[in-house]
């Protein structure tokens, strides 16, 4: 098989054009536009079934599944058709982990607190040396975009403040007995 495939940029351009054309079709009244939209929907269903069968064949090989899910276009299509083999929570956690390395270089950190009722909750912190991180709102937007790209079925991504750690009682205070002098 030759290397005559489309580049990621070319795929993005075609997807943008498709989105534009479908938007225009939806605005056109009449049976012709309805048939065109039905044709696109039917073609999408057939291609989704082909992709499901591909994943079924690939299931025996972790390497093949990993390669399929690593490709940006295939990952997008697997998500679109509900065929991605990884759980939503795992994909959200991986997105946060991937982003953590980049943010740490800039003096910030991000941690997935959990996913509840379809909402990923993340703790984002930026140190005082985070001059290159941007504002907290920019950090939250970056994290939100990355997590939703990995797990678009999430209802949202929410920045949360973690519960403060309980105050520790110094050991020396525990060793003192009330009313005893010199201890």
N, C-alpha and C. Protein backbone atom coordinates (compact mmCIF):
# COMPACT_ATOMS: atom_id res chain seq x y z
N UNK A 1 0.85 -1.18 0.00
CA UNK A 1 0.00 0.00 0.00
C UNK A 1 0.89 1.23 0.00
N UNK A 2 0.64 2.17 -0.90
CA UNK A 2 1.46 3.37 -1.04
C UNK A 2 1.17 4.41 0.03
N UNK A 3 2.00 5.41 0.04
CA UNK A 3 1.87 6.52 1.01
C UNK A 3 1.14 7.69 0.37
N UNK A 4 0.05 7.44 -0.33
CA UNK A 4 -0.66 8.51 -1.01
C UNK A 4 -1.81 9.07 -0.18
N UNK A 5 -1.84 8.75 1.11
CA UNK A 5 -2.92 9.22 1.97
C UNK A 5 -2.87 10.71 2.20
N UNK A 6 -3.92 11.22 2.80
CA UNK A 6 -4.01 12.64 3.10
C UNK A 6 -3.22 12.98 4.37
N UNK A 7 -2.63 14.14 4.38
CA UNK A 7 -1.96 14.62 5.59
C UNK A 7 -3.03 15.02 6.60
N UNK A 8 -2.62 15.14 7.86
CA UNK A 8 -3.57 15.56 8.90
C UNK A 8 -4.17 16.93 8.56
N UNK A 9 -3.34 17.83 8.02
CA UNK A 9 -3.85 19.16 7.65
C UNK A 9 -4.89 19.06 6.54
N UNK A 10 -4.65 18.18 5.58
CA UNK A 10 -5.61 18.01 4.48
C UNK A 10 -6.92 17.41 4.99
N UNK A 11 -6.82 16.47 5.94
CA UNK A 11 -8.02 15.88 6.54
C UNK A 11 -8.80 16.96 7.29
N UNK A 12 -8.09 17.78 8.07
CA UNK A 12 -8.76 18.86 8.80
C UNK A 12 -9.47 19.81 7.86
N UNK A 13 -8.82 20.14 6.75
CA UNK A 13 -9.44 21.05 5.77
C UNK A 13 -10.70 20.43 5.18
N UNK A 14 -10.64 19.14 4.88
CA UNK A 14 -11.82 18.47 4.32
C UNK A 14 -12.95 18.36 5.34
N UNK A 15 -12.60 18.10 6.59
CA UNK A 15 -13.64 18.04 7.63
C UNK A 15 -14.29 19.40 7.83
N UNK A 16 -13.50 20.46 7.78
CA UNK A 16 -14.06 21.81 7.91
C UNK A 16 -14.99 22.11 6.73
N UNK A 17 -14.56 21.71 5.54
CA UNK A 17 -15.39 21.92 4.35
C UNK A 17 -16.68 21.10 4.45
N UNK A 18 -16.57 19.86 4.90
CA UNK A 18 -17.75 19.01 5.07
C UNK A 18 -18.73 19.64 6.05
N UNK A 19 -18.22 20.14 7.14
CA UNK A 19 -19.06 20.80 8.14
C UNK A 19 -19.78 21.99 7.53
N UNK A 20 -19.06 22.76 6.73
CA UNK A 20 -19.64 23.93 6.06
C UNK A 20 -20.74 23.50 5.08
N UNK A 21 -20.44 22.49 4.28
CA UNK A 21 -21.42 22.02 3.27
C UNK A 21 -22.67 21.47 3.95
N UNK A 22 -22.47 20.68 5.01
CA UNK A 22 -23.63 20.13 5.72
C UNK A 22 -24.47 21.24 6.35
N UNK A 23 -23.79 22.26 6.87
CA UNK A 23 -24.51 23.41 7.42
C UNK A 23 -25.35 24.11 6.37
N UNK A 24 -24.79 24.25 5.17
CA UNK A 24 -25.54 24.86 4.07
C UNK A 24 -26.71 23.99 3.65
N UNK A 25 -26.48 22.68 3.57
CA UNK A 25 -27.57 21.76 3.19
C UNK A 25 -28.73 21.83 4.17
N UNK A 26 -28.41 21.94 5.45
CA UNK A 26 -29.46 22.00 6.46
C UNK A 26 -30.32 23.25 6.31
N UNK A 27 -29.79 24.28 5.68
CA UNK A 27 -30.54 25.53 5.50
C UNK A 27 -31.43 25.53 4.25
N UNK A 28 -31.19 24.56 3.37
CA UNK A 28 -31.93 24.51 2.11
C UNK A 28 -33.21 23.69 2.30
N UNK A 29 -34.36 24.28 2.01
CA UNK A 29 -35.60 23.52 2.14
C UNK A 29 -35.78 22.58 0.94
N UNK A 30 -36.52 21.53 1.14
CA UNK A 30 -36.88 20.67 0.00
C UNK A 30 -36.33 19.26 0.10
N UNK A 31 -36.88 18.45 -0.77
CA UNK A 31 -36.58 17.02 -0.77
C UNK A 31 -35.14 16.73 -1.19
N UNK A 32 -34.58 17.51 -2.10
CA UNK A 32 -33.21 17.26 -2.57
C UNK A 32 -32.22 17.39 -1.41
N UNK A 33 -32.36 18.43 -0.62
CA UNK A 33 -31.47 18.63 0.52
C UNK A 33 -31.67 17.52 1.55
N UNK A 34 -32.92 17.12 1.78
CA UNK A 34 -33.20 16.04 2.72
C UNK A 34 -32.54 14.74 2.26
N UNK A 35 -32.61 14.46 0.96
CA UNK A 35 -31.99 13.24 0.42
C UNK A 35 -30.46 13.30 0.55
N UNK A 36 -29.88 14.47 0.32
CA UNK A 36 -28.43 14.61 0.45
C UNK A 36 -28.00 14.35 1.88
N UNK A 37 -28.72 14.92 2.84
CA UNK A 37 -28.40 14.69 4.26
C UNK A 37 -28.61 13.22 4.64
N UNK A 38 -29.65 12.61 4.10
CA UNK A 38 -29.89 11.19 4.37
C UNK A 38 -28.77 10.33 3.79
N UNK A 39 -28.28 10.70 2.61
CA UNK A 39 -27.17 9.96 2.00
C UNK A 39 -25.92 10.05 2.87
N UNK A 40 -25.62 11.23 3.39
CA UNK A 40 -24.45 11.41 4.26
C UNK A 40 -24.63 10.59 5.53
N UNK A 41 -25.81 10.61 6.11
CA UNK A 41 -26.08 9.87 7.34
C UNK A 41 -25.94 8.36 7.11
N UNK A 42 -26.47 7.87 5.99
CA UNK A 42 -26.39 6.44 5.67
C UNK A 42 -24.94 6.04 5.42
N UNK A 43 -24.21 6.85 4.69
CA UNK A 43 -22.80 6.57 4.43
C UNK A 43 -22.00 6.55 5.73
N UNK A 44 -22.29 7.47 6.63
CA UNK A 44 -21.62 7.51 7.93
C UNK A 44 -21.91 6.24 8.73
N UNK A 45 -23.15 5.77 8.69
CA UNK A 45 -23.51 4.53 9.40
C UNK A 45 -22.77 3.33 8.81
N UNK A 46 -22.68 3.25 7.48
CA UNK A 46 -21.99 2.13 6.84
C UNK A 46 -20.50 2.17 7.17
N UNK A 47 -19.89 3.34 7.10
CA UNK A 47 -18.47 3.46 7.45
C UNK A 47 -18.25 3.16 8.93
N UNK A 48 -19.19 3.54 9.76
CA UNK A 48 -19.10 3.21 11.18
C UNK A 48 -19.13 1.71 11.40
N UNK A 49 -19.97 1.02 10.66
CA UNK A 49 -20.02 -0.44 10.76
C UNK A 49 -18.71 -1.05 10.27
N UNK A 50 -18.15 -0.52 9.19
CA UNK A 50 -16.85 -1.01 8.70
C UNK A 50 -15.77 -0.81 9.76
N UNK A 51 -15.81 0.32 10.42
CA UNK A 51 -14.83 0.60 11.47
C UNK A 51 -15.04 -0.34 12.67
N UNK A 52 -16.30 -0.64 13.00
CA UNK A 52 -16.58 -1.58 14.08
C UNK A 52 -15.99 -2.95 13.75
N UNK A 53 -16.15 -3.38 12.51
CA UNK A 53 -15.61 -4.67 12.09
C UNK A 53 -14.07 -4.65 12.11
N UNK A 54 -13.50 -3.53 11.75
CA UNK A 54 -12.04 -3.38 11.81
C UNK A 54 -11.56 -3.54 13.24
N UNK A 55 -12.22 -2.87 14.16
CA UNK A 55 -11.83 -2.96 15.57
C UNK A 55 -12.02 -4.39 16.10
N UNK A 56 -13.06 -5.06 15.63
CA UNK A 56 -13.29 -6.44 16.04
C UNK A 56 -12.13 -7.33 15.58
N UNK A 57 -11.67 -7.13 14.35
CA UNK A 57 -10.54 -7.90 13.83
C UNK A 57 -9.25 -7.53 14.57
N UNK A 58 -9.08 -6.28 14.89
CA UNK A 58 -7.85 -5.80 15.52
C UNK A 58 -7.80 -6.16 17.00
N UNK A 59 -8.93 -6.51 17.58
CA UNK A 59 -9.01 -6.74 19.02
C UNK A 59 -8.02 -7.79 19.51
N UNK A 60 -7.63 -8.71 18.65
CA UNK A 60 -6.71 -9.76 19.05
C UNK A 60 -5.28 -9.25 19.22
N UNK A 61 -5.00 -8.06 18.73
CA UNK A 61 -3.64 -7.53 18.80
C UNK A 61 -3.63 -6.17 19.49
N UNK A 62 -3.04 -6.13 20.69
CA UNK A 62 -2.94 -4.86 21.41
C UNK A 62 -2.18 -3.82 20.61
N UNK A 63 -1.16 -4.26 19.87
CA UNK A 63 -0.35 -3.32 19.07
C UNK A 63 -1.19 -2.65 17.99
N UNK A 64 -2.05 -3.43 17.35
CA UNK A 64 -2.90 -2.87 16.29
C UNK A 64 -3.91 -1.91 16.88
N UNK A 65 -4.53 -2.29 17.98
CA UNK A 65 -5.52 -1.42 18.63
C UNK A 65 -4.84 -0.13 19.07
N UNK A 66 -3.65 -0.24 19.66
CA UNK A 66 -2.90 0.94 20.09
C UNK A 66 -2.58 1.86 18.90
N UNK A 67 -2.18 1.25 17.79
CA UNK A 67 -1.87 2.04 16.59
C UNK A 67 -3.12 2.74 16.05
N UNK A 68 -4.24 2.04 16.06
CA UNK A 68 -5.48 2.64 15.57
C UNK A 68 -5.93 3.81 16.45
N UNK A 69 -5.83 3.63 17.77
CA UNK A 69 -6.29 4.69 18.68
C UNK A 69 -5.27 5.82 18.78
N UNK A 70 -4.04 5.60 18.35
CA UNK A 70 -3.03 6.66 18.39
C UNK A 70 -3.17 7.62 17.21
N UNK A 71 -3.77 7.15 16.13
CA UNK A 71 -3.97 8.01 14.96
C UNK A 71 -5.11 8.99 15.23
N UNK A 72 -4.83 10.28 15.03
CA UNK A 72 -5.81 11.31 15.39
C UNK A 72 -7.14 11.14 14.67
N UNK A 73 -7.10 10.89 13.37
CA UNK A 73 -8.34 10.75 12.60
C UNK A 73 -9.10 9.49 13.03
N UNK A 74 -8.39 8.37 13.14
CA UNK A 74 -9.06 7.14 13.54
C UNK A 74 -9.62 7.25 14.95
N UNK A 75 -8.86 7.88 15.85
CA UNK A 75 -9.36 8.07 17.23
C UNK A 75 -10.66 8.88 17.21
N UNK A 76 -10.68 9.94 16.40
CA UNK A 76 -11.89 10.76 16.28
C UNK A 76 -13.07 9.93 15.77
N UNK A 77 -12.83 9.12 14.75
CA UNK A 77 -13.91 8.31 14.19
C UNK A 77 -14.36 7.22 15.17
N UNK A 78 -13.42 6.64 15.90
CA UNK A 78 -13.79 5.65 16.91
C UNK A 78 -14.67 6.29 17.98
N UNK A 79 -14.33 7.49 18.39
CA UNK A 79 -15.14 8.20 19.39
C UNK A 79 -16.52 8.54 18.81
N UNK A 80 -16.53 9.02 17.58
CA UNK A 80 -17.79 9.40 16.92
C UNK A 80 -18.77 8.24 16.87
N UNK A 81 -18.23 7.05 16.62
CA UNK A 81 -19.10 5.88 16.48
C UNK A 81 -19.23 5.06 17.76
N UNK A 82 -18.70 5.59 18.87
CA UNK A 82 -18.80 4.89 20.14
C UNK A 82 -18.00 3.59 20.17
N UNK A 83 -16.90 3.54 19.44
CA UNK A 83 -16.12 2.31 19.32
C UNK A 83 -14.75 2.37 20.00
N UNK A 84 -14.43 3.49 20.59
CA UNK A 84 -13.10 3.59 21.21
C UNK A 84 -13.01 2.56 22.33
N UNK A 85 -11.93 1.78 22.36
CA UNK A 85 -11.86 0.69 23.34
C UNK A 85 -11.58 1.14 24.77
N UNK A 86 -11.06 2.34 24.96
CA UNK A 86 -10.74 2.81 26.31
C UNK A 86 -11.93 3.50 26.95
N UNK A 87 -12.06 3.30 28.25
CA UNK A 87 -13.15 3.95 28.98
C UNK A 87 -12.95 5.46 28.99
N UNK A 88 -14.04 6.19 29.06
CA UNK A 88 -14.01 7.65 29.09
C UNK A 88 -13.10 8.15 30.21
N UNK A 89 -13.22 7.56 31.39
CA UNK A 89 -12.42 7.99 32.53
C UNK A 89 -10.93 7.80 32.27
N UNK A 90 -10.57 6.70 31.62
CA UNK A 90 -9.16 6.43 31.32
C UNK A 90 -8.63 7.44 30.29
N UNK A 91 -9.45 7.77 29.30
CA UNK A 91 -9.02 8.74 28.30
C UNK A 91 -8.85 10.13 28.91
N UNK A 92 -9.76 10.50 29.81
CA UNK A 92 -9.65 11.79 30.49
C UNK A 92 -8.39 11.83 31.36
N UNK A 93 -8.12 10.75 32.07
CA UNK A 93 -6.92 10.68 32.92
C UNK A 93 -5.66 10.77 32.07
N UNK A 94 -5.65 10.09 30.94
CA UNK A 94 -4.48 10.12 30.05
C UNK A 94 -4.26 11.53 29.48
N UNK A 95 -5.33 12.21 29.15
CA UNK A 95 -5.21 13.59 28.64
C UNK A 95 -4.60 14.50 29.70
N UNK A 96 -5.05 14.34 30.94
CA UNK A 96 -4.50 15.15 32.04
C UNK A 96 -3.03 14.80 32.26
N UNK A 97 -2.70 13.51 32.25
CA UNK A 97 -1.30 13.09 32.43
C UNK A 97 -0.41 13.64 31.31
N UNK A 98 -0.90 13.59 30.08
CA UNK A 98 -0.13 14.12 28.95
C UNK A 98 0.11 15.62 29.10
N UNK A 99 -0.88 16.32 29.58
CA UNK A 99 -0.78 17.76 29.74
C UNK A 99 0.09 18.14 30.93
N UNK A 100 0.13 17.29 31.94
CA UNK A 100 0.90 17.58 33.15
C UNK A 100 2.37 17.86 32.84
N UNK A 101 2.99 17.06 31.99
CA UNK A 101 4.41 17.24 31.68
C UNK A 101 4.66 18.62 31.08
N UNK A 102 3.79 19.06 30.19
CA UNK A 102 3.93 20.37 29.57
C UNK A 102 3.75 21.48 30.60
N UNK A 103 2.74 21.35 31.44
CA UNK A 103 2.46 22.39 32.44
C UNK A 103 3.54 22.47 33.51
N UNK A 104 4.10 21.33 33.89
CA UNK A 104 5.15 21.34 34.92
C UNK A 104 6.35 22.14 34.46
N UNK A 105 6.68 22.07 33.17
CA UNK A 105 7.80 22.85 32.63
C UNK A 105 7.57 24.34 32.80
N UNK A 106 6.31 24.73 32.83
CA UNK A 106 5.94 26.14 32.96
C UNK A 106 5.59 26.51 34.41
N UNK A 107 5.75 25.56 35.33
CA UNK A 107 5.50 25.86 36.74
C UNK A 107 4.08 25.65 37.20
N UNK A 108 3.28 24.93 36.43
CA UNK A 108 1.89 24.67 36.80
C UNK A 108 1.69 23.16 36.93
N UNK A 109 0.56 22.77 37.44
CA UNK A 109 0.25 21.35 37.56
C UNK A 109 -1.25 21.14 37.39
N UNK A 110 -1.61 19.95 36.99
CA UNK A 110 -3.01 19.59 36.83
C UNK A 110 -3.17 18.16 37.31
N UNK A 111 -4.32 17.89 37.94
CA UNK A 111 -4.59 16.56 38.46
C UNK A 111 -6.07 16.26 38.25
N UNK A 112 -6.34 15.07 37.75
CA UNK A 112 -7.73 14.64 37.61
C UNK A 112 -8.20 14.17 38.98
N UNK A 113 -9.19 14.86 39.52
CA UNK A 113 -9.75 14.50 40.82
C UNK A 113 -10.71 13.33 40.66
N UNK A 114 -11.46 13.34 39.56
CA UNK A 114 -12.39 12.25 39.29
C UNK A 114 -13.40 12.63 38.23
N UNK A 115 -14.21 11.66 37.84
CA UNK A 115 -15.29 11.89 36.87
C UNK A 115 -16.56 11.45 37.57
N UNK A 116 -17.52 12.38 37.63
CA UNK A 116 -18.77 12.10 38.31
C UNK A 116 -19.92 12.67 37.49
N UNK A 117 -20.91 11.87 37.20
CA UNK A 117 -22.09 12.29 36.44
C UNK A 117 -21.69 12.94 35.12
N UNK A 118 -20.69 12.38 34.47
CA UNK A 118 -20.28 12.87 33.17
C UNK A 118 -19.46 14.14 33.19
N UNK A 119 -19.02 14.59 34.35
CA UNK A 119 -18.22 15.80 34.46
C UNK A 119 -16.85 15.42 35.05
N UNK A 120 -15.79 15.78 34.32
CA UNK A 120 -14.44 15.55 34.83
C UNK A 120 -14.10 16.72 35.74
N UNK A 121 -13.61 16.38 36.92
CA UNK A 121 -13.20 17.42 37.87
C UNK A 121 -11.69 17.40 37.96
N UNK A 122 -11.08 18.58 37.74
CA UNK A 122 -9.63 18.68 37.73
C UNK A 122 -9.19 19.78 38.69
N UNK A 123 -8.03 19.56 39.30
CA UNK A 123 -7.42 20.59 40.13
C UNK A 123 -6.26 21.14 39.32
N UNK A 124 -6.25 22.45 39.13
CA UNK A 124 -5.20 23.13 38.39
C UNK A 124 -4.50 24.08 39.34
N UNK A 125 -3.19 23.97 39.40
CA UNK A 125 -2.44 24.90 40.24
C UNK A 125 -1.32 25.51 39.42
N UNK A 126 -1.06 26.78 39.68
CA UNK A 126 0.06 27.43 39.01
C UNK A 126 0.92 28.06 40.09
N UNK A 127 2.20 27.76 40.02
CA UNK A 127 3.14 28.31 40.99
C UNK A 127 3.44 29.76 40.68
N UNK A 128 4.13 30.39 41.58
CA UNK A 128 4.46 31.81 41.39
C UNK A 128 5.43 31.99 40.23
N UNK A 129 6.12 30.90 39.81
CA UNK A 129 7.07 31.01 38.72
C UNK A 129 6.44 30.70 37.38
N UNK A 130 5.14 30.71 37.33
CA UNK A 130 4.45 30.30 36.12
C UNK A 130 4.19 31.47 35.19
N UNK A 131 5.22 32.20 34.85
CA UNK A 131 5.05 33.35 33.96
C UNK A 131 4.58 32.97 32.58
N UNK A 132 4.97 31.78 32.10
CA UNK A 132 4.59 31.36 30.76
C UNK A 132 3.28 30.60 30.69
N UNK A 133 2.61 30.42 31.82
CA UNK A 133 1.39 29.61 31.84
C UNK A 133 0.16 30.36 31.37
N UNK A 134 0.17 31.64 31.46
CA UNK A 134 -1.04 32.39 31.17
C UNK A 134 -1.89 32.49 32.41
N UNK A 135 -3.06 33.03 32.26
CA UNK A 135 -3.97 33.21 33.40
C UNK A 135 -4.58 31.88 33.81
N UNK A 136 -5.18 31.87 34.98
CA UNK A 136 -5.87 30.67 35.44
C UNK A 136 -6.98 30.30 34.46
N UNK A 137 -7.67 31.29 33.94
CA UNK A 137 -8.74 31.02 32.97
C UNK A 137 -8.18 30.37 31.71
N UNK A 138 -7.00 30.82 31.27
CA UNK A 138 -6.37 30.22 30.09
C UNK A 138 -5.96 28.78 30.37
N UNK A 139 -5.42 28.54 31.56
CA UNK A 139 -5.06 27.17 31.95
C UNK A 139 -6.28 26.27 31.98
N UNK A 140 -7.36 26.77 32.58
CA UNK A 140 -8.60 25.99 32.65
C UNK A 140 -9.12 25.67 31.25
N UNK A 141 -9.05 26.65 30.35
CA UNK A 141 -9.52 26.44 28.98
C UNK A 141 -8.66 25.39 28.26
N UNK A 142 -7.35 25.46 28.44
CA UNK A 142 -6.43 24.50 27.83
C UNK A 142 -6.74 23.09 28.33
N UNK A 143 -6.90 22.94 29.63
CA UNK A 143 -7.21 21.63 30.22
C UNK A 143 -8.56 21.15 29.72
N UNK A 144 -9.55 22.03 29.71
CA UNK A 144 -10.90 21.68 29.24
C UNK A 144 -10.84 21.15 27.80
N UNK A 145 -10.13 21.87 26.93
CA UNK A 145 -10.04 21.46 25.52
C UNK A 145 -9.37 20.09 25.38
N UNK A 146 -8.27 19.89 26.11
CA UNK A 146 -7.53 18.62 26.01
C UNK A 146 -8.38 17.44 26.50
N UNK A 147 -9.06 17.63 27.62
CA UNK A 147 -9.86 16.55 28.19
C UNK A 147 -11.06 16.25 27.30
N UNK A 148 -11.73 17.29 26.80
CA UNK A 148 -12.89 17.07 25.94
C UNK A 148 -12.51 16.50 24.58
N UNK A 149 -11.30 16.78 24.12
CA UNK A 149 -10.83 16.17 22.88
C UNK A 149 -10.66 14.66 23.08
N UNK A 150 -10.12 14.28 24.22
CA UNK A 150 -9.90 12.86 24.52
C UNK A 150 -11.19 12.14 24.88
N UNK A 151 -12.13 12.85 25.49
CA UNK A 151 -13.38 12.23 25.94
C UNK A 151 -14.55 13.18 25.63
N UNK A 152 -14.90 13.30 24.35
CA UNK A 152 -15.94 14.27 23.97
C UNK A 152 -17.33 13.96 24.51
N UNK A 153 -17.54 12.74 24.99
CA UNK A 153 -18.86 12.41 25.54
C UNK A 153 -19.06 12.97 26.94
N UNK A 154 -18.02 13.54 27.53
CA UNK A 154 -18.18 14.19 28.83
C UNK A 154 -19.13 15.37 28.71
N UNK A 155 -19.90 15.61 29.75
CA UNK A 155 -20.80 16.76 29.76
C UNK A 155 -20.03 18.04 30.04
N UNK A 156 -18.85 17.93 30.64
CA UNK A 156 -18.05 19.11 30.93
C UNK A 156 -16.80 18.78 31.71
N UNK A 157 -15.99 19.81 31.89
CA UNK A 157 -14.77 19.72 32.69
C UNK A 157 -14.83 20.88 33.66
N UNK A 158 -14.67 20.59 34.94
CA UNK A 158 -14.82 21.60 35.97
C UNK A 158 -13.53 21.69 36.79
N UNK A 159 -13.03 22.91 36.97
CA UNK A 159 -11.87 23.12 37.84
C UNK A 159 -12.37 23.16 39.28
N UNK A 160 -11.71 22.42 40.15
CA UNK A 160 -12.11 22.36 41.55
C UNK A 160 -10.92 22.67 42.44
N UNK A 161 -11.23 23.09 43.64
CA UNK A 161 -10.22 23.31 44.66
C UNK A 161 -10.23 22.09 45.55
N UNK A 162 -9.07 21.45 45.73
CA UNK A 162 -9.07 20.24 46.54
C UNK A 162 -9.33 20.56 48.01
N UNK A 163 -9.83 19.57 48.72
CA UNK A 163 -10.05 19.71 50.15
C UNK A 163 -8.69 19.94 50.81
N UNK A 164 -8.60 20.90 51.74
CA UNK A 164 -7.31 21.10 52.41
C UNK A 164 -6.96 19.89 53.27
N UNK A 165 -5.68 19.61 53.34
CA UNK A 165 -5.23 18.51 54.17
C UNK A 165 -5.49 18.87 55.63
N UNK A 166 -5.85 17.89 56.42
CA UNK A 166 -6.10 18.19 57.83
C UNK A 166 -4.81 18.68 58.49
N UNK A 167 -4.98 19.61 59.41
CA UNK A 167 -3.81 20.15 60.13
C UNK A 167 -3.22 19.04 60.99
N UNK A 168 -1.92 18.97 60.98
CA UNK A 168 -1.24 17.95 61.78
C UNK A 168 -0.92 18.51 63.16
N UNK A 169 -1.01 17.68 64.13
CA UNK A 169 -0.66 18.06 65.49
C UNK A 169 0.79 17.65 65.70
N UNK A 170 1.64 18.58 66.10
CA UNK A 170 3.05 18.22 66.31
C UNK A 170 3.17 17.10 67.35
N UNK A 171 4.12 16.21 67.11
CA UNK A 171 4.35 15.08 68.01
C UNK A 171 4.67 15.58 69.42
N UNK A 172 5.42 16.67 69.53
CA UNK A 172 5.79 17.19 70.85
C UNK A 172 4.56 17.57 71.67
N UNK A 173 3.51 18.04 70.99
CA UNK A 173 2.29 18.40 71.70
C UNK A 173 1.58 17.16 72.22
N UNK A 174 1.72 16.05 71.52
CA UNK A 174 1.09 14.81 71.95
C UNK A 174 1.81 14.21 73.16
N UNK A 175 3.10 14.48 73.27
CA UNK A 175 3.89 13.91 74.36
C UNK A 175 3.73 14.68 75.66
N UNK A 176 3.28 15.91 75.57
CA UNK A 176 3.07 16.70 76.80
C UNK A 176 1.79 16.25 77.48
N UNK A 177 1.88 16.06 78.77
CA UNK A 177 0.68 15.71 79.53
C UNK A 177 0.23 16.94 80.29
N UNK A 178 -1.04 17.25 80.23
CA UNK A 178 -1.51 18.44 80.93
C UNK A 178 -1.21 18.34 82.43
N UNK A 179 -0.77 19.45 82.98
CA UNK A 179 -0.55 19.54 84.42
C UNK A 179 0.81 19.00 84.85
N UNK A 180 1.61 18.49 83.94
CA UNK A 180 2.92 17.96 84.32
C UNK A 180 3.96 19.01 83.93
N UNK A 181 4.74 19.45 84.87
CA UNK A 181 5.75 20.47 84.62
C UNK A 181 7.05 19.79 84.24
N UNK A 182 7.71 20.38 83.24
CA UNK A 182 9.02 19.90 82.85
C UNK A 182 8.99 18.84 81.77
N UNK A 183 7.87 18.51 81.24
CA UNK A 183 7.81 17.51 80.17
C UNK A 183 7.81 18.20 78.84
